[in-house]
C-alpha atoms as a PDB file:
ATOM      1  CA  UNK A   1     -77.744 -95.020 -75.876  1.00  0.00           C
ATOM      2  CA  UNK A   2     -76.357 -98.483 -75.115  1.00  0.00           C
ATOM      3  CA  UNK A   3     -74.699 -98.747 -78.535  1.00  0.00           C
ATOM      4  CA  UNK A   4     -72.865 -95.462 -77.989  1.00  0.00           C
ATOM      5  CA  UNK A   5     -71.646 -96.439 -74.508  1.00  0.00           C
ATOM      6  CA  UNK A   6     -70.698-100.049 -75.334  1.00  0.00           C
ATOM      7  CA  UNK A   7     -67.247 -99.284 -76.846  1.00  0.00           C
ATOM      8  CA  UNK A   8     -66.120 -97.202 -73.850  1.00  0.00           C
ATOM      9  CA  UNK A   9     -67.398 -99.769 -71.360  1.00  0.00           C
ATOM     10  CA  UNK A  10     -65.696-102.588 -73.275  1.00  0.00           C
ATOM     11  CA  UNK A  11     -62.299-100.830 -73.363  1.00  0.00           C
ATOM     12  CA  UNK A  12     -62.344-100.089 -69.636  1.00  0.00           C
ATOM     13  CA  UNK A  13     -63.342-103.652 -68.759  1.00  0.00           C
ATOM     14  CA  UNK A  14     -60.867-105.281 -71.150  1.00  0.00           C
ATOM     15  CA  UNK A  15     -57.967-103.199 -69.846  1.00  0.00           C
ATOM     16  CA  UNK A  16     -58.539-104.477 -66.308  1.00  0.00           C
ATOM     17  CA  UNK A  17     -57.508-107.947 -67.458  1.00  0.00           C
ATOM     18  CA  UNK A  18     -53.863-106.839 -67.147  1.00  0.00           C
ATOM     19  CA  UNK A  19     -54.494-105.745 -63.542  1.00  0.00           C
ATOM     20  CA  UNK A  20     -56.318-108.974 -62.645  1.00  0.00           C
ATOM     21  CA  UNK A  21     -53.486-111.106 -64.058  1.00  0.00           C
ATOM     22  CA  UNK A  22     -51.063-109.265 -61.789  1.00  0.00           C
ATOM     23  CA  UNK A  23     -53.358-109.425 -58.758  1.00  0.00           C
ATOM     24  CA  UNK A  24     -53.875-113.204 -58.837  1.00  0.00           C
ATOM     25  CA  UNK A  25     -50.219-114.118 -59.489  1.00  0.00           C
ATOM     26  CA  UNK A  26     -49.292-114.594 -55.785  1.00  0.00           C
ATOM     27  CA  UNK A  27     -52.381-116.694 -55.046  1.00  0.00           C
ATOM     28  CA  UNK A  28     -53.294-118.975 -57.951  1.00  0.00           C
ATOM     29  CA  UNK A  29     -51.828-120.665 -60.986  1.00  0.00           C
ATOM     30  CA  UNK A  30     -53.144-118.903 -64.095  1.00  0.00           C
ATOM     31  CA  UNK A  31     -54.967-121.725 -65.864  1.00  0.00           C
ATOM     32  CA  UNK A  32     -56.557-122.892 -62.624  1.00  0.00           C
ATOM     33  CA  UNK A  33     -57.872-119.355 -62.145  1.00  0.00           C
ATOM     34  CA  UNK A  34     -59.071-119.255 -65.768  1.00  0.00           C
ATOM     35  CA  UNK A  35     -60.845-122.597 -65.312  1.00  0.00           C
ATOM     36  CA  UNK A  36     -62.769-121.250 -62.304  1.00  0.00           C
ATOM     37  CA  UNK A  37     -63.516-118.014 -64.186  1.00  0.00           C
ATOM     38  CA  UNK A  38     -64.838-119.712 -67.319  1.00  0.00           C
ATOM     39  CA  UNK A  39     -66.941-122.247 -65.402  1.00  0.00           C
ATOM     40  CA  UNK A  40     -68.430-119.463 -63.273  1.00  0.00           C
ATOM     41  CA  UNK A  41     -69.278-117.412 -66.358  1.00  0.00           C
ATOM     42  CA  UNK A  42     -70.769-120.437 -68.133  1.00  0.00           C
ATOM     43  CA  UNK A  43     -73.059-121.078 -65.153  1.00  0.00           C
ATOM     44  CA  UNK A  44     -74.025-117.387 -65.014  1.00  0.00           C
ATOM     45  CA  UNK A  45     -75.094-117.287 -68.671  1.00  0.00           C
ATOM     46  CA  UNK A  46     -76.718-120.710 -68.482  1.00  0.00           C
ATOM     47  CA  UNK A  47     -78.940-119.439 -65.666  1.00  0.00           C
ATOM     48  CA  UNK A  48     -79.787-116.317 -67.677  1.00  0.00           C
ATOM     49  CA  UNK A  49     -80.608-118.415 -70.756  1.00  0.00           C
ATOM     50  CA  UNK A  50     -82.814-120.793 -68.764  1.00  0.00           C
ATOM     51  CA  UNK A  51     -84.734-117.935 -67.144  1.00  0.00           C
ATOM     52  CA  UNK A  52     -85.281-116.330 -70.559  1.00  0.00           C
ATOM     53  CA  UNK A  53     -86.076-119.721 -72.140  1.00  0.00           C
ATOM     54  CA  UNK A  54     -83.530-118.961 -74.840  1.00  0.00           C
ATOM     55  CA  UNK A  55     -82.895-121.412 -77.640  1.00  0.00           C
ATOM     56  CA  UNK A  56     -79.714-123.454 -77.216  1.00  0.00           C
ATOM     57  CA  UNK A  57     -77.256-124.373 -79.977  1.00  0.00           C
ATOM     58  CA  UNK A  58     -77.527-127.999 -81.050  1.00  0.00           C
ATOM     59  CA  UNK A  59     -75.748-130.376 -83.384  1.00  0.00           C
ATOM     60  CA  UNK A  60     -72.972-128.863 -85.458  1.00  0.00           C
ATOM     61  CA  UNK A  61     -73.717-125.374 -84.154  1.00  0.00           C
ATOM     62  CA  UNK A  62     -72.993-126.589 -80.615  1.00  0.00           C
ATOM     63  CA  UNK A  63     -69.541-127.753 -81.712  1.00  0.00           C
ATOM     64  CA  UNK A  64     -68.917-124.435 -83.479  1.00  0.00           C
ATOM     65  CA  UNK A  65     -69.725-122.480 -80.330  1.00  0.00           C
ATOM     66  CA  UNK A  66     -67.446-124.673 -78.225  1.00  0.00           C
ATOM     67  CA  UNK A  67     -64.639-124.076 -80.726  1.00  0.00           C
ATOM     68  CA  UNK A  68     -65.311-120.322 -80.816  1.00  0.00           C
ATOM     69  CA  UNK A  69     -65.052-120.080 -77.030  1.00  0.00           C
ATOM     70  CA  UNK A  70     -61.903-122.175 -76.991  1.00  0.00           C
ATOM     71  CA  UNK A  71     -60.286-119.820 -79.510  1.00  0.00           C
ATOM     72  CA  UNK A  72     -61.590-116.487 -78.207  1.00  0.00           C
ATOM     73  CA  UNK A  73     -60.714-117.068 -74.561  1.00  0.00           C
ATOM     74  CA  UNK A  74     -59.286-120.506 -73.770  1.00  0.00           C
ATOM     75  CA  UNK A  75     -56.304-120.732 -76.112  1.00  0.00           C
ATOM     76  CA  UNK A  76     -55.715-116.967 -76.167  1.00  0.00           C
ATOM     77  CA  UNK A  77     -55.494-116.484 -72.408  1.00  0.00           C
ATOM     78  CA  UNK A  78     -53.981-119.883 -71.616  1.00  0.00           C
ATOM     79  CA  UNK A  79     -51.205-119.537 -74.200  1.00  0.00           C
ATOM     80  CA  UNK A  80     -50.594-115.893 -73.344  1.00  0.00           C
ATOM     81  CA  UNK A  81     -50.329-116.556 -69.603  1.00  0.00           C
ATOM     82  CA  UNK A  82     -47.985-119.497 -70.260  1.00  0.00           C
ATOM     83  CA  UNK A  83     -45.705-117.382 -72.452  1.00  0.00           C
ATOM     84  CA  UNK A  84     -45.437-114.695 -69.765  1.00  0.00           C
ATOM     85  CA  UNK A  85     -44.817-117.354 -67.097  1.00  0.00           C
ATOM     86  CA  UNK A  86     -41.938-118.665 -69.234  1.00  0.00           C
ATOM     87  CA  UNK A  87     -40.234-115.287 -69.179  1.00  0.00           C
ATOM     88  CA  UNK A  88     -41.819-113.322 -72.023  1.00  0.00           C
ATOM     89  CA  UNK A  89     -42.143-109.705 -70.984  1.00  0.00           C
ATOM     90  CA  UNK A  90     -45.717-108.639 -70.254  1.00  0.00           C
ATOM     91  CA  UNK A  91     -44.947-105.557 -72.356  1.00  0.00           C
ATOM     92  CA  UNK A  92     -43.960-107.699 -75.329  1.00  0.00           C
ATOM     93  CA  UNK A  93     -47.115-109.779 -74.902  1.00  0.00           C
ATOM     94  CA  UNK A  94     -49.223-106.615 -74.814  1.00  0.00           C
ATOM     95  CA  UNK A  95     -47.455-105.340 -77.924  1.00  0.00           C
ATOM     96  CA  UNK A  96     -48.165-108.597 -79.754  1.00  0.00           C
ATOM     97  CA  UNK A  97     -51.764-108.298 -78.612  1.00  0.00           C
ATOM     98  CA  UNK A  98     -51.939-104.874 -80.246  1.00  0.00           C
ATOM     99  CA  UNK A  99     -51.348-106.567 -83.603  1.00  0.00           C
ATOM    100  CA  UNK A 100     -54.679-108.371 -83.266  1.00  0.00           C
ATOM    101  CA  UNK A 101     -56.821-105.533 -84.685  1.00  0.00           C
ATOM    102  CA  UNK A 102     -54.580-105.391 -87.762  1.00  0.00           C
ATOM    103  CA  UNK A 103     -54.886-109.137 -88.320  1.00  0.00           C
ATOM    104  CA  UNK A 104     -58.648-108.979 -87.809  1.00  0.00           C
ATOM    105  CA  UNK A 105     -58.992-106.117 -90.282  1.00  0.00           C
ATOM    106  CA  UNK A 106     -56.916-107.881 -92.932  1.00  0.00           C
ATOM    107  CA  UNK A 107     -58.824-111.154 -92.695  1.00  0.00           C
ATOM    108  CA  UNK A 108     -62.244-109.502 -92.308  1.00  0.00           C
ATOM    109  CA  UNK A 109     -61.681-107.638 -95.569  1.00  0.00           C
ATOM    110  CA  UNK A 110     -61.021-110.888 -97.420  1.00  0.00           C
ATOM    111  CA  UNK A 111     -63.533-113.133 -95.677  1.00  0.00           C
ATOM    112  CA  UNK A 112     -66.489-110.804 -95.165  1.00  0.00           C
ATOM    113  CA  UNK A 113     -65.840-108.038 -97.655  1.00  0.00           C
ATOM    114  CA  UNK A 114     -65.468-105.350 -95.011  1.00  0.00           C
ATOM    115  CA  UNK A 115     -64.375-101.991 -96.426  1.00  0.00           C
ATOM    116  CA  UNK A 116     -60.980-100.843 -95.200  1.00  0.00           C
ATOM    117  CA  UNK A 117     -60.305 -97.302 -96.350  1.00  0.00           C
ATOM    118  CA  UNK A 118     -56.871 -95.643 -96.217  1.00  0.00           C
ATOM    119  CA  UNK A 119     -58.225 -93.522 -93.376  1.00  0.00           C
ATOM    120  CA  UNK A 120     -59.027 -96.606 -91.339  1.00  0.00           C
ATOM    121  CA  UNK A 121     -55.580 -98.094 -91.919  1.00  0.00           C
ATOM    122  CA  UNK A 122     -54.066 -94.752 -90.892  1.00  0.00           C
ATOM    123  CA  UNK A 123     -56.067 -94.822 -87.682  1.00  0.00           C
ATOM    124  CA  UNK A 124     -54.925 -98.355 -86.918  1.00  0.00           C
ATOM    125  CA  UNK A 125     -51.331 -97.359 -87.602  1.00  0.00           C
ATOM    126  CA  UNK A 126     -51.660 -94.491 -85.129  1.00  0.00           C
ATOM    127  CA  UNK A 127     -53.243 -96.847 -82.608  1.00  0.00           C
ATOM    128  CA  UNK A 128     -50.322 -99.245 -82.879  1.00  0.00           C
ATOM    129  CA  UNK A 129     -47.833 -96.356 -82.603  1.00  0.00           C
ATOM    130  CA  UNK A 130     -49.566 -95.197 -79.436  1.00  0.00           C
ATOM    131  CA  UNK A 131     -49.298 -98.679 -77.915  1.00  0.00           C
ATOM    132  CA  UNK A 132     -45.582 -98.787 -78.739  1.00  0.00           C
ATOM    133  CA  UNK A 133     -45.051 -95.439 -76.979  1.00  0.00           C
ATOM    134  CA  UNK A 134     -46.975 -96.606 -73.908  1.00  0.00           C
ATOM    135  CA  UNK A 135     -45.015 -99.861 -73.714  1.00  0.00           C
ATOM    136  CA  UNK A 136     -41.606 -98.389 -74.633  1.00  0.00           C
ATOM    137  CA  UNK A 137     -40.363 -98.052 -71.006  1.00  0.00           C
ATOM    138  CA  UNK A 138     -41.397-101.639 -70.179  1.00  0.00           C
ATOM    139  CA  UNK A 139     -39.866-102.986 -73.367  1.00  0.00           C
ATOM    140  CA  UNK A 140     -36.597-101.208 -72.584  1.00  0.00           C
ATOM    141  CA  UNK A 141     -36.557-102.552 -69.029  1.00  0.00           C
ATOM    142  CA  UNK A 142     -37.314-106.061 -70.288  1.00  0.00           C
ATOM    143  CA  UNK A 143     -34.441-105.882 -72.774  1.00  0.00           C
ATOM    144  CA  UNK A 144     -31.994-104.849 -70.034  1.00  0.00           C
ATOM    145  CA  UNK A 145     -33.259-107.584 -67.719  1.00  0.00           C
ATOM    146  CA  UNK A 146     -32.915-110.278 -70.370  1.00  0.00           C
ATOM    147  CA  UNK A 147     -29.397-109.095 -71.181  1.00  0.00           C
ATOM    148  CA  UNK A 148     -28.346-109.432 -67.547  1.00  0.00           C
ATOM    149  CA  UNK A 149     -30.035-112.736 -66.781  1.00  0.00           C
ATOM    150  CA  UNK A 150     -29.264-116.159 -68.167  1.00  0.00           C
ATOM    151  CA  UNK A 151     -32.759-117.490 -67.505  1.00  0.00           C
ATOM    152  CA  UNK A 152     -36.179-116.083 -66.634  1.00  0.00           C
ATOM    153  CA  UNK A 153     -36.512-115.131 -63.005  1.00  0.00           C
ATOM    154  CA  UNK A 154     -39.740-117.059 -62.716  1.00  0.00           C
ATOM    155  CA  UNK A 155     -38.083-120.375 -63.522  1.00  0.00           C
ATOM    156  CA  UNK A 156     -39.312-120.822 -67.104  1.00  0.00           C
ATOM    157  CA  UNK A 157     -37.337-123.450 -69.007  1.00  0.00           C
ATOM    158  CA  UNK A 158     -38.902-123.373 -72.487  1.00  0.00           C
ATOM    159  CA  UNK A 159     -36.683-122.275 -75.392  1.00  0.00           C
ATOM    160  CA  UNK A 160     -37.169-118.715 -76.550  1.00  0.00           C
ATOM    161  CA  UNK A 161     -38.436-119.638 -80.019  1.00  0.00           C
ATOM    162  CA  UNK A 162     -41.183-121.804 -78.484  1.00  0.00           C
ATOM    163  CA  UNK A 163     -42.295-119.058 -76.094  1.00  0.00           C
ATOM    164  CA  UNK A 164     -42.585-116.521 -78.921  1.00  0.00           C
ATOM    165  CA  UNK A 165     -44.384-119.061 -81.120  1.00  0.00           C
ATOM    166  CA  UNK A 166     -46.940-119.787 -78.391  1.00  0.00           C
ATOM    167  CA  UNK A 167     -47.485-116.033 -77.882  1.00  0.00           C
ATOM    168  CA  UNK A 168     -48.153-115.627 -81.603  1.00  0.00           C
ATOM    169  CA  UNK A 169     -50.532-118.590 -81.503  1.00  0.00           C
ATOM    170  CA  UNK A 170     -52.411-116.796 -78.713  1.00  0.00           C
ATOM    171  CA  UNK A 171     -52.900-113.696 -80.883  1.00  0.00           C
ATOM    172  CA  UNK A 172     -53.937-115.754 -83.902  1.00  0.00           C
ATOM    173  CA  UNK A 173     -56.392-117.615 -81.675  1.00  0.00           C
ATOM    174  CA  UNK A 174     -58.276-114.539 -80.473  1.00  0.00           C
ATOM    175  CA  UNK A 175     -58.297-113.209 -84.049  1.00  0.00           C
ATOM    176  CA  UNK A 176     -59.864-116.437 -85.315  1.00  0.00           C
ATOM    177  CA  UNK A 177     -62.313-116.539 -82.407  1.00  0.00           C
ATOM    178  CA  UNK A 178     -63.405-112.974 -83.093  1.00  0.00           C
ATOM    179  CA  UNK A 179     -63.912-113.535 -86.824  1.00  0.00           C
ATOM    180  CA  UNK A 180     -65.754-116.785 -86.122  1.00  0.00           C
ATOM    181  CA  UNK A 181     -68.468-114.736 -84.403  1.00  0.00           C
ATOM    182  CA  UNK A 182     -69.385-113.284 -87.825  1.00  0.00           C
ATOM    183  CA  UNK A 183     -70.432-116.684 -89.200  1.00  0.00           C
ATOM    184  CA  UNK A 184     -73.653-118.585 -88.494  1.00  0.00           C
ATOM    185  CA  UNK A 185     -72.864-118.260 -84.771  1.00  0.00           C
ATOM    186  CA  UNK A 186     -74.255-114.726 -84.929  1.00  0.00           C
ATOM    187  CA  UNK A 187     -77.789-116.145 -85.259  1.00  0.00           C
ATOM    188  CA  UNK A 188     -77.717-117.776 -81.806  1.00  0.00           C
ATOM    189  CA  UNK A 189     -79.085-116.180 -78.655  1.00  0.00           C
ATOM    190  CA  UNK A 190     -76.140-114.404 -77.044  1.00  0.00           C
ATOM    191  CA  UNK A 191     -76.953-115.779 -73.563  1.00  0.00           C
ATOM    192  CA  UNK A 192     -76.989-119.457 -74.455  1.00  0.00           C
ATOM    193  CA  UNK A 193     -74.123-118.919 -76.910  1.00  0.00           C
ATOM    194  CA  UNK A 194     -72.006-117.301 -74.182  1.00  0.00           C
ATOM    195  CA  UNK A 195     -72.708-120.201 -71.819  1.00  0.00           C
ATOM    196  CA  UNK A 196     -71.540-122.753 -74.384  1.00  0.00           C
ATOM    197  CA  UNK A 197     -68.540-120.689 -75.508  1.00  0.00           C
ATOM    198  CA  UNK A 198     -67.306-120.239 -71.936  1.00  0.00           C
ATOM    199  CA  UNK A 199     -67.657-123.992 -71.504  1.00  0.00           C
ATOM    200  CA  UNK A 200     -65.368-124.430 -74.515  1.00  0.00           C
ATOM    201  CA  UNK A 201     -62.865-122.050 -72.936  1.00  0.00           C
ATOM    202  CA  UNK A 202     -63.093-123.935 -69.634  1.00  0.00           C
ATOM    203  CA  UNK A 203     -62.246-127.193 -71.411  1.00  0.00           C
ATOM    204  CA  UNK A 204     -59.017-125.668 -72.760  1.00  0.00           C
ATOM    205  CA  UNK A 205     -58.112-124.225 -69.347  1.00  0.00           C
ATOM    206  CA  UNK A 206     -58.688-127.623 -67.703  1.00  0.00           C
ATOM    207  CA  UNK A 207     -56.437-129.334 -70.253  1.00  0.00           C
ATOM    208  CA  UNK A 208     -53.667-126.770 -69.760  1.00  0.00           C
ATOM    209  CA  UNK A 209     -53.936-126.827 -65.962  1.00  0.00           C
ATOM    210  CA  UNK A 210     -53.664-130.624 -65.987  1.00  0.00           C
ATOM    211  CA  UNK A 211     -50.834-130.745 -68.514  1.00  0.00           C
ATOM    212  CA  UNK A 212     -48.820-128.116 -66.648  1.00  0.00           C
ATOM    213  CA  UNK A 213     -49.532-129.594 -63.215  1.00  0.00           C
ATOM    214  CA  UNK A 214     -51.143-126.421 -61.891  1.00  0.00           C
ATOM    215  CA  UNK A 215     -52.680-126.797 -58.439  1.00  0.00           C
ATOM    216  CA  UNK A 216     -51.830-123.641 -56.465  1.00  0.00           C
ATOM    217  CA  UNK A 217     -54.926-121.945 -55.049  1.00  0.00           C
ATOM    218  CA  UNK A 218     -54.373-119.835 -51.938  1.00  0.00           C
ATOM    219  CA  UNK A 219     -57.769-118.523 -50.873  1.00  0.00           C
ATOM    220  CA  UNK A 220     -57.681-114.820 -50.098  1.00  0.00           C
ATOM    221  CA  UNK A 221     -59.981-111.795 -50.469  1.00  0.00           C
ATOM    222  CA  UNK A 222     -57.874-110.596 -53.414  1.00  0.00           C
ATOM    223  CA  UNK A 223     -58.291-113.903 -55.238  1.00  0.00           C
ATOM    224  CA  UNK A 224     -62.037-114.135 -54.647  1.00  0.00           C
ATOM    225  CA  UNK A 225     -62.590-110.519 -55.687  1.00  0.00           C
ATOM    226  CA  UNK A 226     -60.484-111.092 -58.809  1.00  0.00           C
ATOM    227  CA  UNK A 227     -62.484-114.221 -59.611  1.00  0.00           C
ATOM    228  CA  UNK A 228     -65.784-112.400 -59.190  1.00  0.00           C
ATOM    229  CA  UNK A 229     -64.534-109.575 -61.395  1.00  0.00           C
ATOM    230  CA  UNK A 230     -63.328-112.060 -64.008  1.00  0.00           C
ATOM    231  CA  UNK A 231     -66.663-113.878 -64.085  1.00  0.00           C
ATOM    232  CA  UNK A 232     -68.963-110.868 -64.055  1.00  0.00           C
ATOM    233  CA  UNK A 233     -66.950-108.208 -65.863  1.00  0.00           C
ATOM    234  CA  UNK A 234     -64.195-109.775 -67.986  1.00  0.00           C
ATOM    235  CA  UNK A 235     -65.668-112.996 -69.370  1.00  0.00           C
ATOM    236  CA  UNK A 236     -69.206-111.873 -68.560  1.00  0.00           C
ATOM    237  CA  UNK A 237     -69.704-108.279 -69.673  1.00  0.00           C
ATOM    238  CA  UNK A 238     -66.418-107.653 -71.526  1.00  0.00           C
ATOM    239  CA  UNK A 239     -66.345-110.620 -73.901  1.00  0.00           C
ATOM    240  CA  UNK A 240     -70.116-110.416 -74.416  1.00  0.00           C
ATOM    241  CA  UNK A 241     -69.801-106.768 -75.451  1.00  0.00           C
ATOM    242  CA  UNK A 242     -67.045-107.686 -77.905  1.00  0.00           C
ATOM    243  CA  UNK A 243     -69.166-110.445 -79.449  1.00  0.00           C
ATOM    244  CA  UNK A 244     -72.190-108.134 -79.574  1.00  0.00           C
ATOM    245  CA  UNK A 245     -70.222-105.360 -81.314  1.00  0.00           C
ATOM    246  CA  UNK A 246     -68.715-107.780 -83.840  1.00  0.00           C
ATOM    247  CA  UNK A 247     -72.147-109.244 -84.574  1.00  0.00           C
ATOM    248  CA  UNK A 248     -73.859-105.913 -85.221  1.00  0.00           C
ATOM    249  CA  UNK A 249     -71.006-104.137 -87.006  1.00  0.00           C
ATOM    250  CA  UNK A 250     -67.749-104.901 -88.729  1.00  0.00           C
ATOM    251  CA  UNK A 251     -65.006-106.797 -86.935  1.00  0.00           C
ATOM    252  CA  UNK A 252     -62.235-104.317 -87.757  1.00  0.00           C
ATOM    253  CA  UNK A 253     -64.133-101.393 -86.257  1.00  0.00           C
ATOM    254  CA  UNK A 254     -64.838-103.313 -83.052  1.00  0.00           C
ATOM    255  CA  UNK A 255     -61.334-104.675 -82.523  1.00  0.00           C
ATOM    256  CA  UNK A 256     -59.699-101.270 -83.112  1.00  0.00           C
ATOM    257  CA  UNK A 257     -60.689-100.652 -79.493  1.00  0.00           C
ATOM    258  CA  UNK A 258     -57.962-103.107 -78.418  1.00  0.00           C
ATOM    259  CA  UNK A 259     -55.372-100.383 -79.051  1.00  0.00           C
ATOM    260  CA  UNK A 260     -56.672 -98.525 -75.979  1.00  0.00           C
ATOM    261  CA  UNK A 261     -56.313-101.453 -73.556  1.00  0.00           C
ATOM    262  CA  UNK A 262     -52.526-101.158 -72.864  1.00  0.00           C
ATOM    263  CA  UNK A 263     -52.681 -97.358 -72.304  1.00  0.00           C
ATOM    264  CA  UNK A 264     -55.580 -97.752 -69.901  1.00  0.00           C
ATOM    265  CA  UNK A 265     -53.794-100.615 -68.145  1.00  0.00           C
ATOM    266  CA  UNK A 266     -50.756 -98.343 -67.664  1.00  0.00           C
ATOM    267  CA  UNK A 267     -53.012 -95.725 -66.107  1.00  0.00           C
ATOM    268  CA  UNK A 268     -54.633 -98.329 -63.855  1.00  0.00           C
ATOM    269  CA  UNK A 269     -51.188 -99.570 -62.802  1.00  0.00           C
ATOM    270  CA  UNK A 270     -50.260 -96.005 -61.882  1.00  0.00           C
ATOM    271  CA  UNK A 271     -53.402 -95.542 -59.784  1.00  0.00           C
ATOM    272  CA  UNK A 272     -53.616 -99.017 -58.254  1.00  0.00           C
ATOM    273  CA  UNK A 273     -49.987-100.102 -57.874  1.00  0.00           C
ATOM    274  CA  UNK A 274     -48.043 -96.848 -57.876  1.00  0.00           C
ATOM    275  CA  UNK A 275     -46.301 -97.675 -61.156  1.00  0.00           C
ATOM    276  CA  UNK A 276     -44.468 -94.907 -62.989  1.00  0.00           C
ATOM    277  CA  UNK A 277     -46.419 -93.062 -65.679  1.00  0.00           C
ATOM    278  CA  UNK A 278     -43.928 -91.258 -67.896  1.00  0.00           C
ATOM    279  CA  UNK A 279     -44.642 -88.387 -70.311  1.00  0.00           C
ATOM    280  CA  UNK A 280     -43.951 -90.664 -73.281  1.00  0.00           C
ATOM    281  CA  UNK A 281     -46.686 -93.006 -72.049  1.00  0.00           C
ATOM    282  CA  UNK A 282     -49.167 -90.173 -71.671  1.00  0.00           C
ATOM    283  CA  UNK A 283     -48.312 -89.079 -75.217  1.00  0.00           C
ATOM    284  CA  UNK A 284     -48.832 -92.674 -76.366  1.00  0.00           C
ATOM    285  CA  UNK A 285     -52.263 -92.707 -74.745  1.00  0.00           C
ATOM    286  CA  UNK A 286     -53.202 -89.572 -76.719  1.00  0.00           C
ATOM    287  CA  UNK A 287     -51.875 -91.004 -80.001  1.00  0.00           C
ATOM    288  CA  UNK A 288     -53.727 -94.301 -79.470  1.00  0.00           C
ATOM    289  CA  UNK A 289     -56.949 -92.450 -78.659  1.00  0.00           C
ATOM    290  CA  UNK A 290     -56.674 -90.381 -81.851  1.00  0.00           C
ATOM    291  CA  UNK A 291     -55.890 -93.502 -83.866  1.00  0.00           C
ATOM    292  CA  UNK A 292     -58.879 -95.438 -82.541  1.00  0.00           C
ATOM    293  CA  UNK A 293     -61.145 -92.454 -83.173  1.00  0.00           C
ATOM    294  CA  UNK A 294     -59.948 -92.226 -86.782  1.00  0.00           C
ATOM    295  CA  UNK A 295     -60.158 -96.006 -87.346  1.00  0.00           C
ATOM    296  CA  UNK A 296     -63.713 -96.238 -86.029  1.00  0.00           C
ATOM    297  CA  UNK A 297     -64.894 -93.350 -88.171  1.00  0.00           C
ATOM    298  CA  UNK A 298     -63.073 -94.358 -91.325  1.00  0.00           C
END
């Protein structure tokens, strides 16, 4: 029962990350928020591991778990948030994120011998096409805005090539962090492993917050609710479900679910923020859903 529900629960939780990023923007600097989120999640899983008397990673395995957490969450979210803050369209970032399942599938086939049938590649292609349709209006608006503005409205000063490079590094980071879960890390108790991995992510967030001089934290109900959601649902349940699915199955099948995150985020933006939901986006949602269904059955 749990195994059949896990993919749907993961997709819904993961998609809310787009909403949370928008909700906290007026109240906290991104890496400062991520630092609080990762530390809170690390403490949550540490308590769970201590209660269950779970075995903790030691020696080289401890270092591997710290690195895995840094890649899966710390570098991915920190670099992605920075790229958006420097003027990269959120739609472009989401589109780059949709390439992650394709990268994971390609590397998983070579590293772990996962079978990638033509049907599965077809499903992933449909998933990517659905994401493009969902993001098409935002990408068009971003192109018009960049054509009419000499610099990002948010005050970003980094050159365009650096921003795009950092965004690509973010996608490569989550791909590497996901694949890393298929190594000896899969033998560790998921509670103690999650505590250590979130600590690794927190270390990256602390470095980025310090390097970028982030200090803005305006306490408000929205910020505290977003932090609680990030701790319990995003880094807590969401990332743990991803790791659990990758451990028990193949990485490509698990990460195909990422294609559904942007369509669901568009729907959540429509419900929560009154954003426009165009027919082309609804069609994209349907195409992505079909693609993911095909990819996970292939």
